[in-house]
C-alpha atoms as a PDB file:
ATOM      1  CA  MET A   1       0.000   0.000   0.000  1.00  0.00           C
ATOM      2  CA  THR A   2       1.511   3.299  -1.063  1.00  0.00           C
ATOM      3  CA  ASP A   3       1.638   6.387   1.137  1.00  0.00           C
ATOM      4  CA  THR A   4      -0.265   9.118  -0.586  1.00  0.00           C
ATOM      5  CA  THR A   5       0.626  11.828   1.935  1.00  0.00           C
ATOM      6  CA  THR A   6       3.016  14.473   0.749  1.00  0.00           C
ATOM      7  CA  ALA A   7       5.683  16.189   2.759  1.00  0.00           C
ATOM      8  CA  PRO A   8       4.971  19.831   3.534  1.00  0.00           C
ATOM      9  CA  THR A   9       6.769  22.218   1.257  1.00  0.00           C
ATOM     10  CA  ILE A  10       9.088  24.795   2.758  1.00  0.00           C
ATOM     11  CA  ALA A  11       8.792  28.228   1.252  1.00  0.00           C
ATOM     12  CA  PRO A  12      12.026  30.083   0.558  1.00  0.00           C
ATOM     13  CA  PRO A  13      12.801  32.716   3.156  1.00  0.00           C
ATOM     14  CA  ALA A  14      11.545  36.152   2.256  1.00  0.00           C
ATOM     15  CA  ASP A  15      13.653  39.266   2.573  1.00  0.00           C
ATOM     16  CA  ILE A  16      13.516  40.333   6.202  1.00  0.00           C
ATOM     17  CA  PRO A  17      13.188  44.107   6.571  1.00  0.00           C
ATOM     18  CA  ALA A  18      15.043  46.037   9.193  1.00  0.00           C
ATOM     19  CA  THR A  19      13.291  45.519  12.508  1.00  0.00           C
ATOM     20  CA  ALA A  20      13.008  47.661  15.573  1.00  0.00           C
ATOM     21  CA  VAL A  21      15.726  45.549  17.203  1.00  0.00           C
ATOM     22  CA  ASP A  22      18.122  46.354  14.355  1.00  0.00           C
ATOM     23  CA  HIS A  23      17.447  50.043  14.775  1.00  0.00           C
ATOM     24  CA  VAL A  24      17.962  49.885  18.526  1.00  0.00           C
ATOM     25  CA  ILE A  25      21.299  48.059  18.142  1.00  0.00           C
ATOM     26  CA  ALA A  26      22.483  50.551  15.523  1.00  0.00           C
ATOM     27  CA  ALA A  27      21.401  53.488  17.695  1.00  0.00           C
ATOM     28  CA  VAL A  28      23.202  52.131  20.758  1.00  0.00           C
ATOM     29  CA  LEU A  29      26.425  51.547  18.816  1.00  0.00           C
ATOM     30  CA  LEU A  30      26.307  55.013  17.277  1.00  0.00           C
ATOM     31  CA  LEU A  31      25.646  56.631  20.638  1.00  0.00           C
ATOM     32  CA  LEU A  32      28.515  54.759  22.289  1.00  0.00           C
ATOM     33  CA  PHE A  33      31.023  55.391  19.492  1.00  0.00           C
ATOM     34  CA  PRO A  34      31.981  58.981  20.498  1.00  0.00           C
ATOM     35  CA  ALA A  35      32.440  57.904  24.114  1.00  0.00           C
ATOM     36  CA  LEU A  36      34.798  55.043  23.197  1.00  0.00           C
ATOM     37  CA  ALA A  37      36.711  56.385  20.191  1.00  0.00           C
ATOM     38  CA  SER A  38      39.481  58.968  20.110  1.00  0.00           C
ATOM     39  CA  ASN A  39      38.771  62.553  19.115  1.00  0.00           C
ATOM     40  CA  PHE A  40      40.241  61.945  15.652  1.00  0.00           C
ATOM     41  CA  PHE A  41      37.997  58.975  14.910  1.00  0.00           C
ATOM     42  CA  THR A  42      35.017  60.694  16.505  1.00  0.00           C
ATOM     43  CA  PHE A  43      35.376  63.876  14.459  1.00  0.00           C
ATOM     44  CA  GLN A  44      37.169  62.968  11.235  1.00  0.00           C
ATOM     45  CA  ILE A  45      35.753  59.466  10.734  1.00  0.00           C
ATOM     46  CA  GLY A  46      32.483  59.163  12.634  1.00  0.00           C
ATOM     47  CA  ALA A  47      30.960  62.619  12.159  1.00  0.00           C
ATOM     48  CA  TYR A  48      32.102  63.001   8.573  1.00  0.00           C
ATOM     49  CA  SER A  49      30.766  59.542   7.710  1.00  0.00           C
ATOM     50  CA  LEU A  50      27.383  60.596   9.046  1.00  0.00           C
ATOM     51  CA  ILE A  51      27.486  63.798   7.005  1.00  0.00           C
ATOM     52  CA  MET A  52      28.452  61.989   3.791  1.00  0.00           C
ATOM     53  CA  GLY A  53      25.892  59.310   4.549  1.00  0.00           C
ATOM     54  CA  THR A  54      23.166  61.931   4.835  1.00  0.00           C
ATOM     55  CA  ILE A  55      24.095  63.309   1.422  1.00  0.00           C
ATOM     56  CA  ALA A  56      24.148  59.760   0.011  1.00  0.00           C
ATOM     57  CA  LEU A  57      20.708  59.210   1.532  1.00  0.00           C
ATOM     58  CA  SER A  58      19.339  61.905  -0.754  1.00  0.00           C
ATOM     59  CA  LEU A  59      20.766  60.037  -3.738  1.00  0.00           C
ATOM     60  CA  MET A  60      19.106  56.847  -2.484  1.00  0.00           C
ATOM     61  CA  VAL A  61      15.748  58.643  -2.485  1.00  0.00           C
ATOM     62  CA  LEU A  62      16.243  59.761  -6.073  1.00  0.00           C
ATOM     63  CA  ALA A  63      17.645  56.487  -7.420  1.00  0.00           C
ATOM     64  CA  GLY A  64      15.782  53.999  -5.240  1.00  0.00           C
ATOM     65  CA  TYR A  65      12.339  55.579  -5.034  1.00  0.00           C
ATOM     66  CA  GLY A  66      12.409  57.862  -8.065  1.00  0.00           C
ATOM     67  CA  GLY A  67      14.525  55.909 -10.528  1.00  0.00           C
ATOM     68  CA  MET A  68      16.723  58.969 -11.175  1.00  0.00           C
ATOM     69  CA  VAL A  69      20.493  58.951 -10.726  1.00  0.00           C
ATOM     70  CA  SER A  70      21.969  62.376  -9.984  1.00  0.00           C
ATOM     71  CA  LEU A  71      25.626  63.314  -9.838  1.00  0.00           C
ATOM     72  CA  ALA A  72      24.871  66.844  -8.589  1.00  0.00           C
ATOM     73  CA  GLN A  73      24.212  65.998  -4.937  1.00  0.00           C
ATOM     74  CA  MET A  74      27.594  67.217  -3.707  1.00  0.00           C
ATOM     75  CA  SER A  75      27.153  70.445  -5.669  1.00  0.00           C
ATOM     76  CA  VAL A  76      23.923  71.190  -3.809  1.00  0.00           C
ATOM     77  CA  ALA A  77      25.525  70.399  -0.450  1.00  0.00           C
ATOM     78  CA  GLY A  78      28.640  72.378  -1.396  1.00  0.00           C
ATOM     79  CA  ILE A  79      26.716  75.504  -2.369  1.00  0.00           C
ATOM     80  CA  ALA A  80      24.800  75.368   0.926  1.00  0.00           C
ATOM     81  CA  GLY A  81      28.137  75.095   2.750  1.00  0.00           C
ATOM     82  CA  TYR A  82      29.521  78.067   0.839  1.00  0.00           C
ATOM     83  CA  MET A  83      26.478  80.107   1.794  1.00  0.00           C
ATOM     84  CA  ILE A  84      27.113  79.391   5.485  1.00  0.00           C
ATOM     85  CA  ALA A  85      30.635  80.788   5.088  1.00  0.00           C
ATOM     86  CA  ILE A  86      29.501  83.798   3.072  1.00  0.00           C
ATOM     87  CA  PHE A  87      26.472  84.775   5.138  1.00  0.00           C
ATOM     88  CA  GLY A  88      28.093  83.961   8.479  1.00  0.00           C
ATOM     89  CA  ALA A  89      31.729  84.411   9.508  1.00  0.00           C
ATOM     90  CA  ASN A  90      34.843  82.810   7.997  1.00  0.00           C
ATOM     91  CA  SER A  91      38.599  82.832   8.549  1.00  0.00           C
ATOM     92  CA  LEU A  92      39.167  85.410   5.797  1.00  0.00           C
ATOM     93  CA  GLY A  93      36.882  87.957   7.414  1.00  0.00           C
ATOM     94  CA  THR A  94      34.791  88.244   4.246  1.00  0.00           C
ATOM     95  CA  GLY A  95      31.556  86.873   5.716  1.00  0.00           C
ATOM     96  CA  LEU A  96      28.511  89.043   6.208  1.00  0.00           C
ATOM     97  CA  GLY A  97      28.357  88.122   9.888  1.00  0.00           C
ATOM     98  CA  TRP A  98      24.736  87.013   9.972  1.00  0.00           C
ATOM     99  CA  PRO A  99      23.649  85.124  13.116  1.00  0.00           C
ATOM    100  CA  TRP A 100      23.359  81.361  12.699  1.00  0.00           C
ATOM    101  CA  PHE A 101      19.558  81.338  12.875  1.00  0.00           C
ATOM    102  CA  LEU A 102      19.509  83.494   9.723  1.00  0.00           C
ATOM    103  CA  ALA A 103      22.530  82.089   7.890  1.00  0.00           C
ATOM    104  CA  ILE A 104      21.442  78.439   8.122  1.00  0.00           C
ATOM    105  CA  PRO A 105      17.899  78.895   6.729  1.00  0.00           C
ATOM    106  CA  ALA A 106      19.257  81.138   3.950  1.00  0.00           C
ATOM    107  CA  ALA A 107      21.844  78.498   3.016  1.00  0.00           C
ATOM    108  CA  LEU A 108      19.198  75.769   2.994  1.00  0.00           C
ATOM    109  CA  ILE A 109      16.896  77.844   0.807  1.00  0.00           C
ATOM    110  CA  ILE A 110      19.629  78.600  -1.744  1.00  0.00           C
ATOM    111  CA  GLY A 111      20.727  74.957  -1.799  1.00  0.00           C
ATOM    112  CA  SER A 112      17.116  73.918  -2.348  1.00  0.00           C
ATOM    113  CA  LEU A 113      16.739  76.428  -5.182  1.00  0.00           C
ATOM    114  CA  LEU A 114      19.797  74.957  -6.865  1.00  0.00           C
ATOM    115  CA  SER A 115      18.327  71.468  -6.554  1.00  0.00           C
ATOM    116  CA  VAL A 116      15.073  72.713  -8.117  1.00  0.00           C
ATOM    117  CA  ILE A 117      17.058  74.113 -11.050  1.00  0.00           C
ATOM    118  CA  VAL A 118      18.821  70.765 -11.433  1.00  0.00           C
ATOM    119  CA  GLY A 119      15.444  69.037 -11.341  1.00  0.00           C
ATOM    120  CA  LEU A 120      13.920  71.336 -13.961  1.00  0.00           C
ATOM    121  CA  LEU A 121      16.786  70.554 -16.328  1.00  0.00           C
ATOM    122  CA  ALA A 122      16.966  66.821 -15.653  1.00  0.00           C
ATOM    123  CA  ILE A 123      13.393  65.571 -15.152  1.00  0.00           C
ATOM    124  CA  ARG A 124      12.644  65.099 -18.841  1.00  0.00           C
ATOM    125  CA  THR A 125      15.623  62.846 -19.363  1.00  0.00           C
ATOM    126  CA  GLU A 126      16.038  59.203 -18.432  1.00  0.00           C
ATOM    127  CA  GLY A 127      18.830  56.748 -17.746  1.00  0.00           C
ATOM    128  CA  ILE A 128      22.279  57.745 -18.920  1.00  0.00           C
ATOM    129  CA  TYR A 129      21.023  61.152 -20.065  1.00  0.00           C
ATOM    130  CA  THR A 130      20.021  62.104 -16.520  1.00  0.00           C
ATOM    131  CA  ILE A 131      23.478  61.107 -15.321  1.00  0.00           C
ATOM    132  CA  VAL A 132      25.158  63.142 -18.057  1.00  0.00           C
ATOM    133  CA  ILE A 133      23.130  66.323 -17.525  1.00  0.00           C
ATOM    134  CA  THR A 134      23.569  66.264 -13.733  1.00  0.00           C
ATOM    135  CA  LEU A 135      27.297  65.642 -14.219  1.00  0.00           C
ATOM    136  CA  ALA A 136      27.417  68.649 -16.551  1.00  0.00           C
ATOM    137  CA  ILE A 137      25.652  70.800 -13.931  1.00  0.00           C
ATOM    138  CA  ALA A 138      28.035  69.610 -11.224  1.00  0.00           C
ATOM    139  CA  THR A 139      31.017  70.433 -13.448  1.00  0.00           C
ATOM    140  CA  ALA A 140      29.589  73.879 -14.190  1.00  0.00           C
ATOM    141  CA  VAL A 141      29.135  74.571 -10.461  1.00  0.00           C
ATOM    142  CA  TYR A 142      32.719  73.447  -9.818  1.00  0.00           C
ATOM    143  CA  PHE A 143      34.231  75.785 -12.409  1.00  0.00           C
ATOM    144  CA  PHE A 144      31.922  78.626 -11.341  1.00  0.00           C
ATOM    145  CA  THR A 145      33.226  78.440  -7.774  1.00  0.00           C
ATOM    146  CA  GLN A 146      36.831  78.093  -8.918  1.00  0.00           C
ATOM    147  CA  GLN A 147      36.754  81.078 -11.256  1.00  0.00           C
ATOM    148  CA  ASN A 148      34.961  83.489  -8.915  1.00  0.00           C
ATOM    149  CA  VAL A 149      37.806  83.676  -6.425  1.00  0.00           C
ATOM    150  CA  GLU A 150      36.631  86.904  -4.801  1.00  0.00           C
ATOM    151  CA  ILE A 151      33.397  85.201  -3.728  1.00  0.00           C
ATOM    152  CA  PHE A 152      34.344  81.561  -3.130  1.00  0.00           C
ATOM    153  CA  ASN A 153      38.103  81.900  -2.445  1.00  0.00           C
ATOM    154  CA  GLY A 154      39.108  79.587  -5.289  1.00  0.00           C
ATOM    155  CA  HIS A 155      40.305  76.051  -4.720  1.00  0.00           C
ATOM    156  CA  SER A 156      41.045  76.609  -1.030  1.00  0.00           C
ATOM    157  CA  GLY A 157      37.482  77.544  -0.174  1.00  0.00           C
ATOM    158  CA  PHE A 158      36.822  78.565   3.422  1.00  0.00           C
ATOM    159  CA  SER A 159      38.099  77.173   6.671  1.00  0.00           C
ATOM    160  CA  GLY A 160      37.761  78.039  10.329  1.00  0.00           C
ATOM    161  CA  ILE A 161      34.006  78.433  10.214  1.00  0.00           C
ATOM    162  CA  ALA A 162      33.108  78.290  13.880  1.00  0.00           C
ATOM    163  CA  PRO A 163      29.667  76.903  14.712  1.00  0.00           C
ATOM    164  CA  PRO A 164      27.537  78.786  17.218  1.00  0.00           C
ATOM    165  CA  VAL A 165      27.619  78.140  20.932  1.00  0.00           C
ATOM    166  CA  VAL A 166      24.025  77.151  21.705  1.00  0.00           C
ATOM    167  CA  PHE A 167      22.808  76.095  25.151  1.00  0.00           C
ATOM    168  CA  GLY A 168      26.366  76.656  26.369  1.00  0.00           C
ATOM    169  CA  VAL A 169      27.750  73.842  24.162  1.00  0.00           C
ATOM    170  CA  ASP A 170      30.723  74.251  21.819  1.00  0.00           C
ATOM    171  CA  TRP A 171      29.433  72.330  18.799  1.00  0.00           C
ATOM    172  CA  ARG A 172      32.882  72.349  17.204  1.00  0.00           C
ATOM    173  CA  ALA A 173      34.236  70.034  19.916  1.00  0.00           C
ATOM    174  CA  PRO A 174      34.557  66.426  18.638  1.00  0.00           C
ATOM    175  CA  LYS A 175      31.909  64.768  20.793  1.00  0.00           C
ATOM    176  CA  PRO A 176      29.184  67.451  20.517  1.00  0.00           C
ATOM    177  CA  PHE A 177      29.842  67.716  16.782  1.00  0.00           C
ATOM    178  CA  SER A 178      29.535  63.943  16.438  1.00  0.00           C
ATOM    179  CA  TYR A 179      26.258  63.829  18.333  1.00  0.00           C
ATOM    180  CA  LEU A 180      24.925  66.782  16.333  1.00  0.00           C
ATOM    181  CA  SER A 181      25.808  64.972  13.083  1.00  0.00           C
ATOM    182  CA  LEU A 182      24.144  61.825  14.416  1.00  0.00           C
ATOM    183  CA  ALA A 183      20.973  63.737  15.296  1.00  0.00           C
ATOM    184  CA  VAL A 184      20.770  65.291  11.828  1.00  0.00           C
ATOM    185  CA  ALA A 185      21.464  61.949  10.115  1.00  0.00           C
ATOM    186  CA  ALA A 186      18.857  60.185  12.240  1.00  0.00           C
ATOM    187  CA  ALA A 187      16.278  62.876  11.484  1.00  0.00           C
ATOM    188  CA  ALA A 188      16.992  62.574   7.757  1.00  0.00           C
ATOM    189  CA  TYR A 189      16.730  58.781   7.933  1.00  0.00           C
ATOM    190  CA  ALA A 190      13.415  58.971   9.790  1.00  0.00           C
ATOM    191  CA  ALA A 191      12.107  61.493   7.257  1.00  0.00           C
ATOM    192  CA  VAL A 192      13.038  59.191   4.378  1.00  0.00           C
ATOM    193  CA  LEU A 193      11.322  56.221   6.033  1.00  0.00           C
ATOM    194  CA  TYR A 194       8.191  58.266   6.638  1.00  0.00           C
ATOM    195  CA  THR A 195       8.199  59.728   3.123  1.00  0.00           C
ATOM    196  CA  SER A 196       8.647  56.315   1.481  1.00  0.00           C
ATOM    197  CA  ARG A 197       5.375  55.158   3.055  1.00  0.00           C
ATOM    198  CA  SER A 198       3.484  58.400   2.530  1.00  0.00           C
ATOM    199  CA  PRO A 199       1.203  59.079  -0.458  1.00  0.00           C
ATOM    200  CA  PHE A 200       3.975  61.152  -2.048  1.00  0.00           C
ATOM    201  CA  GLY A 201       6.547  58.381  -1.629  1.00  0.00           C
ATOM    202  CA  LEU A 202       4.220  55.701  -2.967  1.00  0.00           C
ATOM    203  CA  SER A 203       3.339  57.912  -5.921  1.00  0.00           C
ATOM    204  CA  LEU A 204       7.032  58.521  -6.610  1.00  0.00           C
ATOM    205  CA  GLN A 205       7.710  54.776  -6.643  1.00  0.00           C
ATOM    206  CA  ALA A 206       4.776  54.229  -8.972  1.00  0.00           C
ATOM    207  CA  ILE A 207       6.144  56.931 -11.288  1.00  0.00           C
ATOM    208  CA  ARG A 208       9.477  55.120 -11.240  1.00  0.00           C
ATOM    209  CA  ASP A 209       7.770  51.920 -12.356  1.00  0.00           C
ATOM    210  CA  ASN A 210       5.444  53.410 -14.972  1.00  0.00           C
ATOM    211  CA  ALA A 211       5.512  57.182 -15.432  1.00  0.00           C
ATOM    212  CA  ARG A 212       3.185  57.150 -18.432  1.00  0.00           C
ATOM    213  CA  ARG A 213       0.444  55.293 -16.581  1.00  0.00           C
ATOM    214  CA  MET A 214       0.697  57.619 -13.576  1.00  0.00           C
ATOM    215  CA  GLU A 215       0.434  60.637 -15.858  1.00  0.00           C
ATOM    216  CA  ALA A 216      -2.608  59.094 -17.521  1.00  0.00           C
ATOM    217  CA  VAL A 217      -4.452  58.801 -14.193  1.00  0.00           C
ATOM    218  CA  GLY A 218      -3.822  62.444 -13.384  1.00  0.00           C
ATOM    219  CA  TYR A 219      -0.529  62.628 -11.450  1.00  0.00           C
ATOM    220  CA  ASN A 220       1.899  65.448 -12.178  1.00  0.00           C
ATOM    221  CA  VAL A 221       5.006  63.395 -12.921  1.00  0.00           C
ATOM    222  CA  ALA A 222       7.299  66.397 -13.420  1.00  0.00           C
ATOM    223  CA  ALA A 223       6.296  68.006 -10.114  1.00  0.00           C
ATOM    224  CA  HIS A 224       6.848  64.759  -8.207  1.00  0.00           C
ATOM    225  CA  ARG A 225      10.316  64.324  -9.674  1.00  0.00           C
ATOM    226  CA  ILE A 226      11.325  67.929  -8.967  1.00  0.00           C
ATOM    227  CA  ALA A 227      10.014  67.627  -5.393  1.00  0.00           C
ATOM    228  CA  ALA A 228      12.099  64.478  -4.885  1.00  0.00           C
END
């Protein structure tokens, strides 16, 4: 007599998303790093990695959720940094001396305006053409800053830009600077997670998959891409 029962099939493991435990472990390690590492690793390695990671996060939003690869991200961040030096105070004494609560918003606004210009020029291209046009914009920004020495101080740029002392804390010190960078990076990461699950983020992913269909049902594809 034959056994007609069949062995249960085992489904292949699905991709496991990052869980709350993963986030807690990462947060604990990042919080402990400045307390355990030297000032050099805390400032030059840890904080700068968080800053570069935040800029890379913006590229992940464009490429991962929007299907657009941009090579102009550092230009946007660089122009915002220049504006901090120009509106605030710098080592050359050429800054306008604005207080930080005015210089920072102004720098963010100008950086955002540059990114809108990049978006207006790049949204109607796809694939390699988007990469090429954003690379051309980044190259143009580079030569613009190099040639206008009286404004941007040429290749040397600006140094010695002291951050403000807020709540009695010197934010230039390695540990406070590291924790400030961590706070900004964490806020950006949380914003990206929230946006990816919001109506805007879901619409952006749908546009990535089929822009023509989304436009046919009434979505403004160009505005979504520029906003991203």
